[in-house]
Structure formats: structure tokens, C-alpha cells
N, C-alpha and C. Protein backbone atom coordinates (compact mmCIF):
# COMPACT_ATOMS: atom_id res chain seq x y z
N UNK A 1 7.13 3.55 5.17
CA UNK A 1 6.62 2.34 5.79
C UNK A 1 6.55 2.50 7.31
N UNK A 2 7.54 3.19 7.88
CA UNK A 2 7.55 3.39 9.33
C UNK A 2 6.35 4.23 9.78
N UNK A 3 6.00 5.24 8.97
CA UNK A 3 4.83 6.05 9.30
C UNK A 3 3.56 5.22 9.25
N UNK A 4 3.44 4.36 8.25
CA UNK A 4 2.25 3.52 8.11
C UNK A 4 2.10 2.58 9.30
N UNK A 5 3.17 1.94 9.69
CA UNK A 5 3.12 1.00 10.83
C UNK A 5 2.84 1.76 12.12
N UNK A 6 3.49 2.92 12.31
CA UNK A 6 3.27 3.71 13.52
C UNK A 6 1.82 4.15 13.62
N UNK A 7 1.24 4.59 12.51
CA UNK A 7 -0.16 5.02 12.52
C UNK A 7 -1.09 3.86 12.79
N UNK A 8 -0.76 2.68 12.28
CA UNK A 8 -1.60 1.51 12.54
C UNK A 8 -1.55 1.13 14.02
N UNK A 9 -0.39 1.25 14.63
CA UNK A 9 -0.26 0.98 16.07
C UNK A 9 -1.07 2.01 16.87
N UNK A 10 -0.98 3.28 16.48
CA UNK A 10 -1.76 4.31 17.15
C UNK A 10 -3.26 4.08 16.98
N UNK A 11 -3.67 3.59 15.81
CA UNK A 11 -5.08 3.27 15.58
C UNK A 11 -5.54 2.14 16.49
N UNK A 12 -4.68 1.14 16.68
CA UNK A 12 -5.03 0.05 17.59
C UNK A 12 -5.18 0.57 19.02
N UNK A 13 -4.29 1.45 19.42
CA UNK A 13 -4.41 2.06 20.75
C UNK A 13 -5.67 2.92 20.84
N UNK A 14 -6.00 3.61 19.75
CA UNK A 14 -7.20 4.44 19.72
C UNK A 14 -8.48 3.66 19.85
N UNK A 15 -8.46 2.40 19.47
CA UNK A 15 -9.64 1.55 19.63
C UNK A 15 -9.88 1.21 21.10
N UNK A 16 -8.83 1.34 21.91
CA UNK A 16 -8.93 0.98 23.32
C UNK A 16 -9.03 2.22 24.22
N UNK A 17 -8.25 3.24 23.91
CA UNK A 17 -8.16 4.42 24.77
C UNK A 17 -9.15 5.50 24.35
N UNK A 18 -9.97 5.98 25.28
CA UNK A 18 -10.89 7.07 24.92
C UNK A 18 -10.12 8.35 24.63
N UNK A 19 -10.56 9.07 23.63
CA UNK A 19 -9.92 10.33 23.27
C UNK A 19 -8.87 10.22 22.19
N UNK A 20 -8.37 9.02 21.95
CA UNK A 20 -7.38 8.82 20.89
C UNK A 20 -8.12 8.25 19.69
N UNK A 21 -8.10 8.95 18.56
CA UNK A 21 -8.87 8.48 17.41
C UNK A 21 -8.24 7.24 16.78
N UNK A 22 -9.05 6.45 16.14
CA UNK A 22 -8.51 5.29 15.43
C UNK A 22 -8.72 5.43 13.93
N UNK A 23 -9.88 5.89 13.50
CA UNK A 23 -10.17 5.98 12.07
C UNK A 23 -9.17 6.87 11.34
N UNK A 24 -8.87 8.01 11.92
CA UNK A 24 -7.94 8.94 11.28
C UNK A 24 -6.56 8.31 11.11
N UNK A 25 -6.13 7.56 12.12
CA UNK A 25 -4.83 6.91 12.04
C UNK A 25 -4.83 5.77 11.01
N UNK A 26 -5.94 5.08 10.88
CA UNK A 26 -6.03 4.03 9.86
C UNK A 26 -5.96 4.65 8.47
N UNK A 27 -6.68 5.76 8.26
CA UNK A 27 -6.63 6.44 6.97
C UNK A 27 -5.23 6.95 6.67
N UNK A 28 -4.56 7.52 7.67
CA UNK A 28 -3.19 7.99 7.48
C UNK A 28 -2.24 6.83 7.21
N UNK A 29 -2.44 5.71 7.89
CA UNK A 29 -1.61 4.53 7.65
C UNK A 29 -1.80 4.02 6.22
N UNK A 30 -3.03 4.01 5.74
CA UNK A 30 -3.30 3.56 4.36
C UNK A 30 -2.64 4.51 3.36
N UNK A 31 -2.73 5.81 3.61
CA UNK A 31 -2.09 6.79 2.74
C UNK A 31 -0.58 6.57 2.68
N UNK A 32 0.03 6.40 3.85
CA UNK A 32 1.48 6.21 3.91
C UNK A 32 1.88 4.88 3.28
N UNK A 33 1.09 3.84 3.51
CA UNK A 33 1.40 2.53 2.94
C UNK A 33 1.28 2.55 1.42
N UNK A 34 0.32 3.29 0.89
CA UNK A 34 0.16 3.37 -0.57
C UNK A 34 1.38 4.00 -1.22
N UNK A 35 2.08 4.85 -0.50
CA UNK A 35 3.26 5.52 -1.06
C UNK A 35 4.57 4.80 -0.76
N UNK A 36 4.55 3.88 0.19
CA UNK A 36 5.81 3.25 0.58
C UNK A 36 5.85 1.74 0.37
N UNK A 37 4.71 1.07 0.52
CA UNK A 37 4.71 -0.39 0.43
C UNK A 37 3.39 -0.88 -0.16
N UNK A 38 3.37 -1.17 -1.46
CA UNK A 38 2.14 -1.67 -2.08
C UNK A 38 1.64 -2.95 -1.42
N UNK A 39 2.55 -3.77 -0.94
CA UNK A 39 2.16 -5.03 -0.29
C UNK A 39 1.41 -4.75 1.03
N UNK A 40 1.94 -3.84 1.83
CA UNK A 40 1.30 -3.49 3.09
C UNK A 40 -0.04 -2.80 2.82
N UNK A 41 -0.08 -1.95 1.81
CA UNK A 41 -1.32 -1.26 1.45
C UNK A 41 -2.38 -2.28 1.01
N UNK A 42 -1.99 -3.26 0.20
CA UNK A 42 -2.93 -4.30 -0.22
C UNK A 42 -3.43 -5.10 0.98
N UNK A 43 -2.54 -5.39 1.92
CA UNK A 43 -2.95 -6.11 3.13
C UNK A 43 -3.98 -5.31 3.91
N UNK A 44 -3.75 -4.00 4.02
CA UNK A 44 -4.70 -3.16 4.74
C UNK A 44 -6.06 -3.14 4.03
N UNK A 45 -6.07 -3.04 2.71
CA UNK A 45 -7.32 -3.00 1.95
C UNK A 45 -8.10 -4.30 2.05
N UNK A 46 -7.41 -5.41 2.28
CA UNK A 46 -8.08 -6.71 2.37
C UNK A 46 -8.32 -7.15 3.81
N UNK A 47 -7.93 -6.33 4.77
CA UNK A 47 -8.09 -6.70 6.18
C UNK A 47 -9.58 -6.85 6.52
N UNK A 48 -9.96 -7.91 7.23
CA UNK A 48 -11.38 -8.14 7.52
C UNK A 48 -12.01 -7.09 8.44
N UNK A 49 -11.23 -6.43 9.28
CA UNK A 49 -11.79 -5.47 10.22
C UNK A 49 -11.99 -4.09 9.61
N UNK A 50 -10.99 -3.56 8.92
CA UNK A 50 -11.10 -2.19 8.42
C UNK A 50 -10.89 -2.07 6.92
N UNK A 51 -10.75 -3.18 6.22
CA UNK A 51 -10.53 -3.14 4.77
C UNK A 51 -11.67 -2.52 3.99
N UNK A 52 -12.91 -2.91 4.32
CA UNK A 52 -14.04 -2.37 3.57
C UNK A 52 -14.19 -0.86 3.80
N UNK A 53 -13.88 -0.40 5.00
CA UNK A 53 -13.93 1.03 5.29
C UNK A 53 -12.89 1.78 4.47
N UNK A 54 -11.69 1.23 4.38
CA UNK A 54 -10.63 1.86 3.59
C UNK A 54 -10.97 1.88 2.10
N UNK A 55 -11.51 0.76 1.61
CA UNK A 55 -11.87 0.70 0.19
C UNK A 55 -12.97 1.71 -0.13
N UNK A 56 -13.92 1.82 0.77
CA UNK A 56 -15.01 2.78 0.57
C UNK A 56 -14.47 4.20 0.54
N UNK A 57 -13.57 4.54 1.45
CA UNK A 57 -12.98 5.87 1.48
C UNK A 57 -12.15 6.10 0.24
N UNK A 58 -11.37 5.12 -0.15
CA UNK A 58 -10.50 5.24 -1.31
C UNK A 58 -11.30 5.37 -2.61
N UNK A 59 -12.40 4.65 -2.72
CA UNK A 59 -13.19 4.66 -3.95
C UNK A 59 -14.08 5.88 -4.10
N UNK A 60 -14.58 6.41 -3.02
CA UNK A 60 -15.52 7.51 -3.18
C UNK A 60 -15.61 8.45 -2.01
N UNK A 61 -14.63 8.40 -1.10
CA UNK A 61 -14.64 9.24 0.09
C UNK A 61 -15.94 9.10 0.86
N UNK A 62 -16.40 7.86 1.02
CA UNK A 62 -17.63 7.55 1.75
C UNK A 62 -17.30 7.08 3.16
N UNK A 63 -18.23 7.35 4.06
CA UNK A 63 -18.13 6.85 5.43
C UNK A 63 -19.47 6.21 5.76
N UNK A 64 -19.44 4.97 6.18
CA UNK A 64 -20.70 4.27 6.46
C UNK A 64 -21.42 4.91 7.65
N UNK A 65 -22.71 4.74 7.68
CA UNK A 65 -23.51 5.30 8.78
C UNK A 65 -23.09 4.68 10.11
N UNK A 66 -22.76 3.40 10.09
CA UNK A 66 -22.32 2.72 11.31
C UNK A 66 -21.05 3.38 11.86
N UNK A 67 -20.10 3.69 10.98
CA UNK A 67 -18.87 4.35 11.41
C UNK A 67 -19.16 5.74 11.96
N UNK A 68 -20.11 6.43 11.34
CA UNK A 68 -20.46 7.76 11.83
C UNK A 68 -21.06 7.68 13.24
N UNK A 69 -21.95 6.72 13.45
CA UNK A 69 -22.56 6.57 14.78
C UNK A 69 -21.54 6.14 15.82
N UNK A 70 -20.63 5.24 15.45
CA UNK A 70 -19.58 4.82 16.39
C UNK A 70 -18.67 5.99 16.76
N UNK A 71 -18.32 6.80 15.78
CA UNK A 71 -17.49 7.98 16.05
C UNK A 71 -18.24 8.96 16.95
N UNK A 72 -19.51 9.15 16.68
CA UNK A 72 -20.32 10.07 17.50
C UNK A 72 -20.40 9.59 18.94
N UNK A 73 -20.63 8.29 19.11
CA UNK A 73 -20.69 7.71 20.45
C UNK A 73 -19.36 7.87 21.18
N UNK A 74 -18.28 7.58 20.47
CA UNK A 74 -16.94 7.67 21.06
C UNK A 74 -16.63 9.10 21.47
N UNK A 75 -16.94 10.06 20.62
CA UNK A 75 -16.64 11.46 20.94
C UNK A 75 -17.54 11.99 22.05
N UNK A 76 -18.77 11.54 22.10
CA UNK A 76 -19.67 11.94 23.19
C UNK A 76 -19.16 11.40 24.51
N UNK A 77 -18.76 10.14 24.52
CA UNK A 77 -18.20 9.53 25.74
C UNK A 77 -16.94 10.28 26.17
N UNK A 78 -16.08 10.59 25.23
CA UNK A 78 -14.86 11.32 25.55
C UNK A 78 -15.18 12.71 26.09
N UNK A 79 -16.18 13.37 25.52
CA UNK A 79 -16.58 14.69 26.01
C UNK A 79 -17.06 14.63 27.45
N UNK A 80 -17.85 13.62 27.76
CA UNK A 80 -18.33 13.45 29.14
C UNK A 80 -17.17 13.21 30.09
N UNK A 81 -16.24 12.36 29.69
CA UNK A 81 -15.06 12.09 30.53
C UNK A 81 -14.24 13.36 30.74
N UNK A 82 -14.11 14.18 29.69
CA UNK A 82 -13.37 15.43 29.83
C UNK A 82 -14.07 16.38 30.80
N UNK A 83 -15.38 16.51 30.67
CA UNK A 83 -16.14 17.40 31.54
C UNK A 83 -16.00 16.99 33.00
N UNK A 84 -16.03 15.69 33.24
CA UNK A 84 -15.97 15.17 34.61
C UNK A 84 -14.55 15.22 35.19
N UNK A 85 -13.54 15.00 34.37
CA UNK A 85 -12.21 14.80 34.92
C UNK A 85 -11.20 15.93 34.71
N UNK A 86 -11.41 16.83 33.77
CA UNK A 86 -10.42 17.88 33.51
C UNK A 86 -10.83 19.16 34.24
N UNK A 87 -9.94 19.68 35.08
CA UNK A 87 -10.30 20.85 35.90
C UNK A 87 -10.25 22.19 35.15
N UNK A 88 -9.78 22.21 33.92
CA UNK A 88 -9.65 23.46 33.17
C UNK A 88 -10.77 23.57 32.14
N UNK A 89 -11.78 24.39 32.42
CA UNK A 89 -12.93 24.49 31.50
C UNK A 89 -12.56 24.92 30.09
N UNK A 90 -11.57 25.80 29.95
CA UNK A 90 -11.18 26.26 28.61
C UNK A 90 -10.60 25.12 27.78
N UNK A 91 -9.86 24.23 28.42
CA UNK A 91 -9.29 23.09 27.71
C UNK A 91 -10.39 22.12 27.27
N UNK A 92 -11.36 21.92 28.14
CA UNK A 92 -12.50 21.07 27.81
C UNK A 92 -13.27 21.68 26.64
N UNK A 93 -13.48 22.99 26.68
CA UNK A 93 -14.23 23.67 25.62
C UNK A 93 -13.51 23.54 24.27
N UNK A 94 -12.20 23.70 24.26
CA UNK A 94 -11.43 23.57 23.01
C UNK A 94 -11.53 22.15 22.47
N UNK A 95 -11.36 21.17 23.34
CA UNK A 95 -11.42 19.77 22.91
C UNK A 95 -12.80 19.42 22.36
N UNK A 96 -13.85 19.86 23.04
CA UNK A 96 -15.21 19.56 22.58
C UNK A 96 -15.50 20.30 21.28
N UNK A 97 -15.00 21.51 21.13
CA UNK A 97 -15.18 22.25 19.87
C UNK A 97 -14.51 21.53 18.71
N UNK A 98 -13.32 21.00 18.95
CA UNK A 98 -12.62 20.23 17.89
C UNK A 98 -13.41 18.98 17.53
N UNK A 99 -13.90 18.27 18.54
CA UNK A 99 -14.69 17.06 18.26
C UNK A 99 -15.98 17.41 17.53
N UNK A 100 -16.58 18.53 17.88
CA UNK A 100 -17.80 18.95 17.21
C UNK A 100 -17.52 19.28 15.74
N UNK A 101 -16.41 19.94 15.48
CA UNK A 101 -16.04 20.25 14.09
C UNK A 101 -15.82 18.96 13.29
N UNK A 102 -15.17 17.99 13.89
CA UNK A 102 -14.97 16.70 13.21
C UNK A 102 -16.30 16.03 12.95
N UNK A 103 -17.22 16.10 13.91
CA UNK A 103 -18.54 15.49 13.73
C UNK A 103 -19.31 16.14 12.58
N UNK A 104 -19.26 17.45 12.50
CA UNK A 104 -19.95 18.14 11.40
C UNK A 104 -19.36 17.69 10.07
N UNK A 105 -18.04 17.67 9.97
CA UNK A 105 -17.39 17.22 8.74
C UNK A 105 -17.76 15.78 8.43
N UNK A 106 -17.70 14.92 9.44
CA UNK A 106 -17.96 13.49 9.24
C UNK A 106 -19.37 13.23 8.74
N UNK A 107 -20.36 13.88 9.33
CA UNK A 107 -21.75 13.64 8.94
C UNK A 107 -22.08 14.26 7.59
N UNK A 108 -21.22 15.15 7.08
CA UNK A 108 -21.42 15.69 5.74
C UNK A 108 -20.86 14.78 4.65
N UNK A 109 -20.07 13.78 5.03
CA UNK A 109 -19.50 12.86 4.05
C UNK A 109 -20.58 11.91 3.55
N UNK A 110 -20.54 11.56 2.26
CA UNK A 110 -21.56 10.65 1.71
C UNK A 110 -21.45 9.26 2.32
N UNK A 111 -22.57 8.55 2.33
CA UNK A 111 -22.61 7.20 2.88
C UNK A 111 -22.60 6.13 1.81
N UNK A 112 -22.85 6.50 0.58
CA UNK A 112 -22.85 5.51 -0.51
C UNK A 112 -21.96 5.98 -1.64
N UNK A 113 -21.43 5.02 -2.36
CA UNK A 113 -20.61 5.33 -3.52
C UNK A 113 -21.45 6.04 -4.57
N UNK A 114 -22.73 5.68 -4.67
CA UNK A 114 -23.61 6.28 -5.67
C UNK A 114 -23.79 7.77 -5.42
N UNK A 115 -23.67 8.19 -4.18
CA UNK A 115 -23.81 9.61 -3.87
C UNK A 115 -22.65 10.41 -4.42
N UNK A 116 -21.54 9.76 -4.69
CA UNK A 116 -20.36 10.45 -5.19
C UNK A 116 -20.19 10.28 -6.69
N UNK A 117 -20.50 9.10 -7.18
CA UNK A 117 -20.28 8.80 -8.59
C UNK A 117 -21.30 9.54 -9.45
N UNK A 118 -20.85 10.05 -10.56
CA UNK A 118 -21.75 10.71 -11.49
C UNK A 118 -22.32 9.67 -12.43
N UNK A 119 -23.56 9.82 -12.80
CA UNK A 119 -24.23 8.84 -13.65
C UNK A 119 -23.51 8.69 -14.98
N UNK A 120 -22.89 9.73 -15.48
CA UNK A 120 -22.20 9.64 -16.77
C UNK A 120 -20.91 8.83 -16.67
N UNK A 121 -20.34 8.77 -15.47
CA UNK A 121 -19.06 8.09 -15.30
C UNK A 121 -19.24 6.62 -14.96
N UNK A 122 -20.01 6.34 -13.93
CA UNK A 122 -20.17 4.97 -13.45
C UNK A 122 -21.63 4.75 -13.09
N UNK A 123 -22.16 3.59 -13.46
CA UNK A 123 -23.52 3.26 -13.09
C UNK A 123 -23.50 2.40 -11.84
N UNK A 124 -23.92 2.99 -10.71
CA UNK A 124 -24.01 2.22 -9.48
C UNK A 124 -25.46 2.22 -9.06
N UNK A 125 -25.81 1.32 -8.20
CA UNK A 125 -27.20 1.21 -7.78
C UNK A 125 -27.34 1.50 -6.29
N UNK A 126 -26.69 2.56 -5.83
CA UNK A 126 -26.81 2.93 -4.43
C UNK A 126 -26.15 1.94 -3.49
N UNK A 127 -25.00 1.41 -3.86
CA UNK A 127 -24.32 0.42 -3.04
C UNK A 127 -23.81 1.07 -1.77
N UNK A 128 -24.09 0.45 -0.64
CA UNK A 128 -23.68 0.98 0.64
C UNK A 128 -22.16 0.89 0.77
N UNK A 129 -21.57 1.76 1.58
CA UNK A 129 -20.12 1.77 1.76
C UNK A 129 -19.60 0.48 2.35
N UNK A 130 -20.42 -0.26 3.03
CA UNK A 130 -19.94 -1.49 3.63
C UNK A 130 -19.91 -2.64 2.64
N UNK A 131 -20.38 -2.39 1.42
CA UNK A 131 -20.38 -3.42 0.39
C UNK A 131 -18.94 -3.76 0.02
N UNK A 132 -18.66 -5.01 -0.26
CA UNK A 132 -17.31 -5.46 -0.56
C UNK A 132 -16.88 -5.12 -1.98
N UNK A 133 -17.80 -4.75 -2.84
CA UNK A 133 -17.47 -4.43 -4.22
C UNK A 133 -16.91 -3.03 -4.30
N UNK A 134 -15.81 -2.86 -4.99
CA UNK A 134 -15.21 -1.54 -5.08
C UNK A 134 -15.72 -0.80 -6.31
N UNK A 135 -15.57 0.49 -6.28
CA UNK A 135 -15.99 1.31 -7.39
C UNK A 135 -15.22 0.96 -8.66
N UNK A 136 -13.94 0.62 -8.50
CA UNK A 136 -13.12 0.28 -9.66
C UNK A 136 -13.65 -0.97 -10.37
N UNK A 137 -14.04 -1.97 -9.61
CA UNK A 137 -14.53 -3.20 -10.25
C UNK A 137 -15.88 -2.96 -10.90
N UNK A 138 -16.68 -2.06 -10.32
CA UNK A 138 -17.97 -1.75 -10.94
C UNK A 138 -17.79 -0.92 -12.19
N UNK A 139 -16.73 -0.12 -12.24
CA UNK A 139 -16.48 0.70 -13.42
C UNK A 139 -16.12 -0.16 -14.62
N UNK A 140 -15.54 -1.34 -14.37
CA UNK A 140 -15.17 -2.24 -15.46
C UNK A 140 -16.34 -3.06 -15.93
N UNK A 141 -17.34 -3.22 -15.11
CA UNK A 141 -18.51 -4.02 -15.47
C UNK A 141 -19.39 -3.25 -16.44
N UNK A 142 -20.14 -3.96 -17.29
CA UNK A 142 -21.03 -3.25 -18.21
C UNK A 142 -22.15 -2.58 -17.42
N UNK A 143 -22.66 -1.46 -17.90
CA UNK A 143 -23.72 -0.75 -17.17
C UNK A 143 -24.98 -1.58 -17.08
N UNK A 144 -25.67 -1.35 -15.94
CA UNK A 144 -26.92 -2.07 -15.72
C UNK A 144 -28.00 -1.47 -16.61
N UNK A 145 -28.97 -2.31 -17.06
CA UNK A 145 -30.02 -1.78 -17.93
C UNK A 145 -30.96 -0.85 -17.22
């Protein structure tokens, strides 16, 4: 539980401070909460700000296009700040290389649950990751004609 709360605090700081990630800390907080406090985990999944993102990741490892663009903007801004303010070019190069690797990984993640679900397992109709319906609830529903 302490790890989950600490990661959530770091995520809140990451939303304000350039260079400190927030999404990764929210995902880590959700992971830790799922193993230590079902109540806290449920609260996180239902949170109006990041609940739909967590549910989307949990249901199909999807990342919405909006989240991808926000992350790209944030990392680009951070890269510019590093170039302007850090006097050690090698340190800037390493940091930008890490952010670039994260961007490549992030943009390779699917944006819809349908991109992950197999037609034989679950019938989805290309629901966007920002949709409030979870994959689990759709799996219980009868298949669409």
C-alpha cells in the first residue's frame, strides 16, 4: 500500500514538474494497489481523471491517442529544456535517447481494445480506449450480430 500511495504522489508531482513522468507512476501505483489494497485499486480504477486510462491498460494494454500525444509533447518540451539548461551534452544525449525509446514503445501500443482482442474470444466493435466500458463487461455481453 505504501508503494501505491508513494507512486501516486510521484505521479501528481510528475503532472507538474517537467521531466518527471506521471503515467508510469500511475500504472505502478495501480499494480501495487491491486496486490495490496483492493479498495484503493478500485478507487483508482473509478477515478474520473485517470480511471479510464487504467481500465484501458488493464483490459487490453491500450494507450489512447490523446495520451500518446500528451506524452510526446511533454517529452519534447523536456528535451528542449535539457538542451537549453544542461551543460553536459552526453547527459542530454542519454536522457533524450531514453525518452525516444519510450516514445517508440508507446506509439507501438494499440489504441483500441479491438486491436488486442481476438475475434474468437471477444466481439468488440473498435471501442476506443477512452470508452468507459471495460473489456470484461463486454466479454459477458452476448456477441453482436
